[in-house]
């Protein structure tokens, strides 16, 4: 199946081949897509339903973040920046799952100005998937 691209908010996402994905993996992929759109729309109300109240993470620069700090970061993004997510992979482990991907920050003209890799750790709580932990790392150009 050829790669498909979709745009969610300021993010262009190269979708993985989902032909072998389970129902849960597809659900998580849809959450990731909606998460990107919600970040661009500054929809903290919806984001608070997908980021656990006890969320903890490591930003790509190495800084520890909680949900409140992360939401503040989301609020100050540059509207001139655009993003490309590719190399998406979703893996389920019972009531836990991970989403990994590569995030590239681009200018309006398409020049890549930053690149990182990330991991989102989801768990099932109260019948829904929530992100409890995340980590990012900057990709250094060679």
N, C-alpha and C. Protein backbone atom coordinates (compact mmCIF):
# COMPACT_ATOMS: atom_id res chain seq x y z
N UNK A 1 0.85 -1.18 0.00
CA UNK A 1 0.00 0.00 0.00
C UNK A 1 0.89 1.24 0.00
N UNK A 2 0.70 2.17 -0.94
CA UNK A 2 1.55 3.36 -1.00
C UNK A 2 1.31 4.27 0.20
N UNK A 3 2.35 5.05 0.53
CA UNK A 3 2.23 5.99 1.64
C UNK A 3 1.18 7.03 1.32
N UNK A 4 0.42 7.39 2.33
CA UNK A 4 -0.61 8.41 2.19
C UNK A 4 -0.23 9.56 3.11
N UNK A 5 -0.45 10.77 2.63
CA UNK A 5 -0.18 11.95 3.46
C UNK A 5 -1.49 12.65 3.77
N UNK A 6 -1.61 13.12 5.02
CA UNK A 6 -2.76 13.90 5.45
C UNK A 6 -2.22 15.15 6.15
N UNK A 7 -3.03 16.17 6.21
CA UNK A 7 -2.64 17.38 6.93
C UNK A 7 -3.59 17.57 8.09
N UNK A 8 -3.00 17.75 9.26
CA UNK A 8 -3.76 18.00 10.49
C UNK A 8 -3.18 19.27 11.10
N UNK A 9 -3.95 20.35 11.08
CA UNK A 9 -3.45 21.62 11.60
C UNK A 9 -2.28 22.10 10.77
N UNK A 10 -1.13 22.31 11.41
CA UNK A 10 0.09 22.76 10.73
C UNK A 10 1.01 21.58 10.42
N UNK A 11 0.50 20.37 10.54
CA UNK A 11 1.34 19.18 10.42
C UNK A 11 0.91 18.31 9.26
N UNK A 12 1.86 17.98 8.41
CA UNK A 12 1.65 17.00 7.34
C UNK A 12 2.16 15.67 7.88
N UNK A 13 1.32 14.66 7.82
CA UNK A 13 1.65 13.36 8.39
C UNK A 13 1.69 12.31 7.29
N UNK A 14 2.82 11.61 7.20
CA UNK A 14 2.91 10.46 6.29
C UNK A 14 2.40 9.26 7.06
N UNK A 15 1.26 8.75 6.65
CA UNK A 15 0.65 7.64 7.38
C UNK A 15 1.35 6.32 7.03
N UNK A 16 1.50 5.46 8.03
CA UNK A 16 2.08 4.15 7.76
C UNK A 16 1.06 3.26 7.05
N UNK A 17 1.53 2.16 6.51
CA UNK A 17 0.65 1.15 5.93
C UNK A 17 -0.13 0.53 7.08
N UNK A 18 -1.44 0.73 7.12
CA UNK A 18 -2.24 0.25 8.24
C UNK A 18 -2.94 -1.07 7.94
N UNK A 19 -2.60 -1.69 6.80
CA UNK A 19 -3.29 -2.92 6.43
C UNK A 19 -3.13 -4.02 7.47
N UNK A 20 -2.03 -4.02 8.21
CA UNK A 20 -1.83 -5.02 9.25
C UNK A 20 -2.13 -4.51 10.64
N UNK A 21 -2.65 -3.28 10.75
CA UNK A 21 -2.91 -2.68 12.06
C UNK A 21 -4.17 -3.27 12.68
N UNK A 22 -4.13 -3.43 13.99
CA UNK A 22 -5.32 -3.84 14.73
C UNK A 22 -6.25 -2.64 14.90
N UNK A 23 -7.44 -2.91 15.41
CA UNK A 23 -8.39 -1.84 15.69
C UNK A 23 -7.79 -0.82 16.66
N UNK A 24 -7.10 -1.31 17.68
CA UNK A 24 -6.48 -0.43 18.68
C UNK A 24 -5.39 0.42 18.05
N UNK A 25 -4.55 -0.17 17.22
CA UNK A 25 -3.48 0.59 16.57
C UNK A 25 -4.05 1.69 15.67
N UNK A 26 -5.14 1.39 14.99
CA UNK A 26 -5.80 2.41 14.17
C UNK A 26 -6.39 3.52 15.04
N UNK A 27 -6.95 3.13 16.19
CA UNK A 27 -7.49 4.12 17.13
C UNK A 27 -6.38 5.05 17.62
N UNK A 28 -5.22 4.49 17.93
CA UNK A 28 -4.10 5.31 18.39
C UNK A 28 -3.58 6.23 17.29
N UNK A 29 -3.54 5.74 16.07
CA UNK A 29 -3.12 6.58 14.94
C UNK A 29 -4.08 7.75 14.79
N UNK A 30 -5.38 7.50 14.93
CA UNK A 30 -6.36 8.59 14.85
C UNK A 30 -6.20 9.58 15.99
N UNK A 31 -5.87 9.09 17.18
CA UNK A 31 -5.60 10.00 18.30
C UNK A 31 -4.40 10.89 18.00
N UNK A 32 -3.35 10.31 17.43
CA UNK A 32 -2.15 11.09 17.10
C UNK A 32 -2.48 12.16 16.05
N UNK A 33 -3.30 11.81 15.08
CA UNK A 33 -3.70 12.79 14.07
C UNK A 33 -4.50 13.91 14.71
N UNK A 34 -5.44 13.56 15.55
CA UNK A 34 -6.28 14.57 16.20
C UNK A 34 -5.44 15.42 17.15
N UNK A 35 -4.45 14.81 17.80
CA UNK A 35 -3.56 15.53 18.70
C UNK A 35 -2.84 16.65 17.94
N UNK A 36 -2.33 16.34 16.75
CA UNK A 36 -1.64 17.35 15.94
C UNK A 36 -2.56 18.50 15.59
N UNK A 37 -3.78 18.19 15.20
CA UNK A 37 -4.75 19.24 14.87
C UNK A 37 -5.10 20.07 16.10
N UNK A 38 -5.24 19.42 17.25
CA UNK A 38 -5.60 20.13 18.48
C UNK A 38 -4.48 21.06 18.94
N UNK A 39 -3.24 20.65 18.75
CA UNK A 39 -2.10 21.51 19.11
C UNK A 39 -2.15 22.79 18.27
N UNK A 40 -2.37 22.63 16.96
CA UNK A 40 -2.43 23.80 16.07
C UNK A 40 -3.59 24.72 16.43
N UNK A 41 -4.71 24.13 16.87
CA UNK A 41 -5.90 24.90 17.22
C UNK A 41 -5.86 25.41 18.66
N UNK A 42 -4.81 25.07 19.39
CA UNK A 42 -4.68 25.43 20.82
C UNK A 42 -5.89 24.94 21.61
N UNK A 43 -6.34 23.73 21.27
CA UNK A 43 -7.50 23.13 21.92
C UNK A 43 -7.06 22.35 23.16
N UNK A 44 -6.74 23.10 24.21
CA UNK A 44 -6.25 22.49 25.45
C UNK A 44 -7.32 21.64 26.13
N UNK A 45 -8.57 21.98 25.92
CA UNK A 45 -9.65 21.18 26.51
C UNK A 45 -9.60 19.75 25.97
N UNK A 46 -9.50 19.61 24.66
CA UNK A 46 -9.42 18.25 24.10
C UNK A 46 -8.08 17.60 24.46
N UNK A 47 -6.99 18.35 24.38
CA UNK A 47 -5.68 17.79 24.71
C UNK A 47 -5.64 17.26 26.14
N UNK A 48 -6.39 17.90 27.04
CA UNK A 48 -6.40 17.42 28.43
C UNK A 48 -7.13 16.09 28.56
N UNK A 49 -7.86 15.68 27.53
CA UNK A 49 -8.49 14.35 27.57
C UNK A 49 -7.54 13.27 27.07
N UNK A 50 -6.51 13.65 26.34
CA UNK A 50 -5.58 12.65 25.80
C UNK A 50 -4.24 12.64 26.56
N UNK A 51 -3.90 13.73 27.21
CA UNK A 51 -2.70 13.76 28.06
C UNK A 51 -3.16 13.55 29.50
N UNK A 52 -2.68 12.49 30.14
CA UNK A 52 -3.06 12.18 31.51
C UNK A 52 -2.70 13.34 32.44
N UNK A 53 -3.49 13.52 33.49
CA UNK A 53 -3.22 14.59 34.44
C UNK A 53 -1.86 14.42 35.11
N UNK A 54 -1.38 13.18 35.21
CA UNK A 54 -0.07 12.90 35.80
C UNK A 54 1.01 12.70 34.74
N UNK A 55 0.78 13.22 33.53
CA UNK A 55 1.75 13.11 32.43
C UNK A 55 3.12 13.66 32.85
N UNK A 56 4.16 12.98 32.42
CA UNK A 56 5.54 13.44 32.57
C UNK A 56 6.26 13.15 31.27
N UNK A 57 7.23 13.98 30.94
CA UNK A 57 7.97 13.75 29.71
C UNK A 57 9.32 14.42 29.71
N UNK A 58 10.05 14.14 28.65
CA UNK A 58 11.35 14.78 28.40
C UNK A 58 11.25 15.44 27.03
N UNK A 59 11.39 16.75 26.98
CA UNK A 59 11.36 17.47 25.71
C UNK A 59 12.62 17.16 24.91
N UNK A 60 12.58 17.43 23.62
CA UNK A 60 13.71 17.10 22.74
C UNK A 60 15.01 17.75 23.19
N UNK A 61 14.93 18.88 23.86
CA UNK A 61 16.13 19.56 24.35
C UNK A 61 16.64 19.00 25.68
N UNK A 62 15.93 18.03 26.24
CA UNK A 62 16.37 17.40 27.48
C UNK A 62 15.65 17.89 28.73
N UNK A 63 14.78 18.87 28.58
CA UNK A 63 14.06 19.44 29.73
C UNK A 63 12.91 18.53 30.16
N UNK A 64 12.77 18.33 31.47
CA UNK A 64 11.64 17.58 32.00
C UNK A 64 10.39 18.45 31.93
N UNK A 65 9.27 17.84 31.57
CA UNK A 65 8.02 18.59 31.47
C UNK A 65 6.89 17.80 32.10
N UNK A 66 5.92 18.53 32.67
CA UNK A 66 4.66 17.94 33.09
C UNK A 66 3.60 18.44 32.11
N UNK A 67 2.36 18.07 32.34
CA UNK A 67 1.31 18.44 31.39
C UNK A 67 1.15 19.95 31.28
N UNK A 68 1.17 20.65 32.41
CA UNK A 68 1.00 22.11 32.39
C UNK A 68 2.12 22.79 31.59
N UNK A 69 3.35 22.35 31.80
CA UNK A 69 4.49 22.92 31.07
C UNK A 69 4.39 22.61 29.59
N UNK A 70 4.00 21.39 29.26
CA UNK A 70 3.86 21.02 27.85
C UNK A 70 2.79 21.86 27.17
N UNK A 71 1.67 22.06 27.84
CA UNK A 71 0.60 22.87 27.25
C UNK A 71 1.05 24.31 27.04
N UNK A 72 1.88 24.82 27.93
CA UNK A 72 2.43 26.17 27.73
C UNK A 72 3.32 26.21 26.50
N UNK A 73 4.08 25.16 26.28
CA UNK A 73 4.93 25.07 25.07
C UNK A 73 4.04 25.04 23.83
N UNK A 74 2.98 24.25 23.86
CA UNK A 74 2.06 24.18 22.72
C UNK A 74 1.48 25.56 22.41
N UNK A 75 1.24 26.36 23.43
CA UNK A 75 0.62 27.67 23.26
C UNK A 75 1.51 28.71 22.62
N UNK A 76 2.81 28.48 22.60
CA UNK A 76 3.69 29.49 22.03
C UNK A 76 4.34 29.06 20.72
N UNK A 77 3.71 28.10 20.04
CA UNK A 77 4.32 27.69 18.78
C UNK A 77 4.17 28.78 17.72
N UNK A 78 5.06 28.77 16.77
CA UNK A 78 5.14 29.79 15.73
C UNK A 78 4.18 29.43 14.59
N UNK A 79 3.21 30.30 14.28
CA UNK A 79 2.26 29.98 13.20
C UNK A 79 2.92 29.88 11.83
N UNK A 80 4.14 30.41 11.69
CA UNK A 80 4.85 30.30 10.41
C UNK A 80 5.58 28.97 10.27
N UNK A 81 5.69 28.23 11.37
CA UNK A 81 6.34 26.91 11.31
C UNK A 81 5.32 25.87 10.89
N UNK A 82 5.79 24.92 10.14
CA UNK A 82 4.98 23.78 9.74
C UNK A 82 5.75 22.54 10.11
N UNK A 83 5.05 21.42 10.16
CA UNK A 83 5.67 20.20 10.65
C UNK A 83 5.37 19.03 9.73
N UNK A 84 6.29 18.11 9.71
CA UNK A 84 6.14 16.87 8.96
C UNK A 84 6.43 15.73 9.92
N UNK A 85 5.47 14.83 10.07
CA UNK A 85 5.67 13.63 10.88
C UNK A 85 5.73 12.46 9.92
N UNK A 86 6.83 11.69 10.03
CA UNK A 86 6.92 10.46 9.24
C UNK A 86 7.59 9.40 10.10
N UNK A 87 7.83 8.27 9.52
CA UNK A 87 8.39 7.12 10.23
C UNK A 87 7.56 6.77 11.46
N UNK A 88 6.26 6.89 11.34
CA UNK A 88 5.35 6.56 12.43
C UNK A 88 5.27 5.05 12.63
N UNK A 89 5.32 4.64 13.89
CA UNK A 89 5.14 3.22 14.22
C UNK A 89 4.35 3.12 15.51
N UNK A 90 3.38 2.24 15.52
CA UNK A 90 2.54 2.03 16.69
C UNK A 90 2.66 0.58 17.11
N UNK A 91 2.89 0.37 18.41
CA UNK A 91 3.01 -0.98 18.96
C UNK A 91 2.15 -1.07 20.21
N UNK A 92 1.38 -2.14 20.31
CA UNK A 92 0.53 -2.35 21.47
C UNK A 92 1.08 -3.48 22.33
N UNK A 93 1.02 -3.28 23.64
CA UNK A 93 1.46 -4.26 24.63
C UNK A 93 0.37 -4.38 25.69
N UNK A 94 -0.71 -5.09 25.37
CA UNK A 94 -1.82 -5.19 26.32
C UNK A 94 -2.48 -3.84 26.49
N UNK A 95 -2.52 -3.34 27.76
CA UNK A 95 -3.16 -2.04 28.00
C UNK A 95 -2.16 -0.88 27.92
N UNK A 96 -1.00 -1.15 27.32
CA UNK A 96 0.01 -0.10 27.07
C UNK A 96 0.29 -0.10 25.56
N UNK A 97 0.74 1.04 25.07
CA UNK A 97 1.11 1.15 23.66
C UNK A 97 2.12 2.27 23.51
N UNK A 98 2.92 2.18 22.45
CA UNK A 98 3.86 3.25 22.13
C UNK A 98 3.62 3.72 20.71
N UNK A 99 3.86 5.00 20.53
CA UNK A 99 3.87 5.60 19.20
C UNK A 99 5.22 6.28 19.06
N UNK A 100 5.95 5.92 18.02
CA UNK A 100 7.23 6.58 17.74
C UNK A 100 7.15 7.22 16.37
N UNK A 101 7.91 8.28 16.21
CA UNK A 101 7.90 8.96 14.93
C UNK A 101 9.04 9.95 14.84
N UNK A 102 9.16 10.52 13.66
CA UNK A 102 10.13 11.58 13.41
C UNK A 102 9.35 12.85 13.09
N UNK A 103 9.73 13.95 13.73
CA UNK A 103 9.09 15.25 13.55
C UNK A 103 10.09 16.20 12.94
N UNK A 104 9.75 16.75 11.81
CA UNK A 104 10.60 17.77 11.18
C UNK A 104 9.86 19.10 11.20
N UNK A 105 10.56 20.14 11.62
CA UNK A 105 10.01 21.50 11.60
C UNK A 105 10.48 22.14 10.31
N UNK A 106 9.54 22.73 9.56
CA UNK A 106 9.87 23.32 8.28
C UNK A 106 9.37 24.76 8.22
N UNK A 107 9.99 25.53 7.34
CA UNK A 107 9.50 26.87 7.05
C UNK A 107 8.32 26.75 6.10
N UNK A 108 7.64 27.85 5.88
CA UNK A 108 6.53 27.87 4.93
C UNK A 108 7.02 27.40 3.55
N UNK A 109 8.27 27.72 3.21
CA UNK A 109 8.84 27.31 1.93
C UNK A 109 9.28 25.86 1.86
N UNK A 110 9.21 25.16 3.00
CA UNK A 110 9.54 23.74 3.00
C UNK A 110 10.94 23.38 3.46
N UNK A 111 11.76 24.39 3.82
CA UNK A 111 13.11 24.10 4.31
C UNK A 111 13.03 23.51 5.71
N UNK A 112 13.76 22.41 5.93
CA UNK A 112 13.80 21.78 7.25
C UNK A 112 14.72 22.59 8.16
N UNK A 113 14.18 23.04 9.31
CA UNK A 113 14.97 23.84 10.25
C UNK A 113 15.19 23.12 11.58
N UNK A 114 14.58 21.96 11.75
CA UNK A 114 14.76 21.18 12.97
C UNK A 114 14.22 19.78 12.76
N UNK A 115 14.79 18.84 13.50
CA UNK A 115 14.35 17.45 13.38
C UNK A 115 14.52 16.77 14.72
N UNK A 116 13.51 15.99 15.11
CA UNK A 116 13.59 15.22 16.35
C UNK A 116 12.85 13.91 16.17
N UNK A 117 13.14 13.00 17.06
CA UNK A 117 12.41 11.74 17.14
C UNK A 117 11.70 11.73 18.47
N UNK A 118 10.56 11.06 18.52
CA UNK A 118 9.77 11.07 19.75
C UNK A 118 9.15 9.71 20.02
N UNK A 119 8.78 9.53 21.28
CA UNK A 119 8.05 8.35 21.72
C UNK A 119 6.94 8.81 22.65
N UNK A 120 5.72 8.38 22.37
CA UNK A 120 4.59 8.63 23.25
C UNK A 120 4.20 7.29 23.86
N UNK A 121 4.07 7.25 25.18
CA UNK A 121 3.63 6.04 25.88
C UNK A 121 2.18 6.24 26.31
N UNK A 122 1.33 5.38 25.82
CA UNK A 122 -0.10 5.42 26.12
C UNK A 122 -0.45 4.28 27.08
N UNK A 123 -1.47 4.52 27.90
CA UNK A 123 -2.08 3.46 28.68
C UNK A 123 -3.59 3.65 28.62
N UNK A 124 -4.30 2.58 28.88
CA UNK A 124 -5.76 2.63 28.85
C UNK A 124 -6.26 2.92 30.26
N UNK A 125 -7.00 4.02 30.41
CA UNK A 125 -7.58 4.40 31.69
C UNK A 125 -9.04 4.78 31.48
N UNK A 126 -9.90 4.22 32.30
CA UNK A 126 -11.32 4.58 32.21
C UNK A 126 -11.89 4.35 30.82
N UNK A 127 -11.39 3.33 30.14
CA UNK A 127 -11.92 3.00 28.82
C UNK A 127 -11.35 3.81 27.67
N UNK A 128 -10.37 4.68 27.93
CA UNK A 128 -9.78 5.45 26.82
C UNK A 128 -8.27 5.47 26.94
N UNK A 129 -7.63 5.71 25.81
CA UNK A 129 -6.18 5.79 25.75
C UNK A 129 -5.73 7.19 26.15
N UNK A 130 -4.71 7.27 27.01
CA UNK A 130 -4.13 8.54 27.40
C UNK A 130 -2.61 8.44 27.35
N UNK A 131 -1.97 9.58 27.06
CA UNK A 131 -0.50 9.63 27.05
C UNK A 131 -0.04 9.90 28.47
N UNK A 132 0.78 8.99 28.99
CA UNK A 132 1.29 9.14 30.36
C UNK A 132 2.74 9.57 30.38
N UNK A 133 3.45 9.34 29.28
CA UNK A 133 4.86 9.70 29.23
C UNK A 133 5.24 9.93 27.78
N UNK A 134 6.22 10.80 27.58
CA UNK A 134 6.73 11.07 26.23
C UNK A 134 8.19 11.46 26.34
N UNK A 135 8.93 11.20 25.29
CA UNK A 135 10.34 11.60 25.25
C UNK A 135 10.68 11.99 23.82
N UNK A 136 11.51 13.00 23.70
CA UNK A 136 11.97 13.44 22.40
C UNK A 136 13.47 13.58 22.40
N UNK A 137 14.06 13.45 21.24
CA UNK A 137 15.52 13.68 21.11
C UNK A 137 15.78 14.39 19.80
N UNK A 138 16.64 15.37 19.86
CA UNK A 138 17.01 16.14 18.68
C UNK A 138 17.86 15.26 17.78
N UNK A 139 17.58 15.32 16.48
CA UNK A 139 18.40 14.63 15.50
C UNK A 139 19.46 15.63 15.02
N UNK A 140 20.69 15.26 15.17
CA UNK A 140 21.79 16.13 14.78
C UNK A 140 22.17 15.82 13.33
N UNK A 141 22.21 16.85 12.50
CA UNK A 141 22.59 16.67 11.09
C UNK A 141 24.05 16.26 10.99
N UNK A 142 24.30 15.41 10.04
CA UNK A 142 25.70 14.97 9.85
C UNK A 142 26.38 15.76 8.79
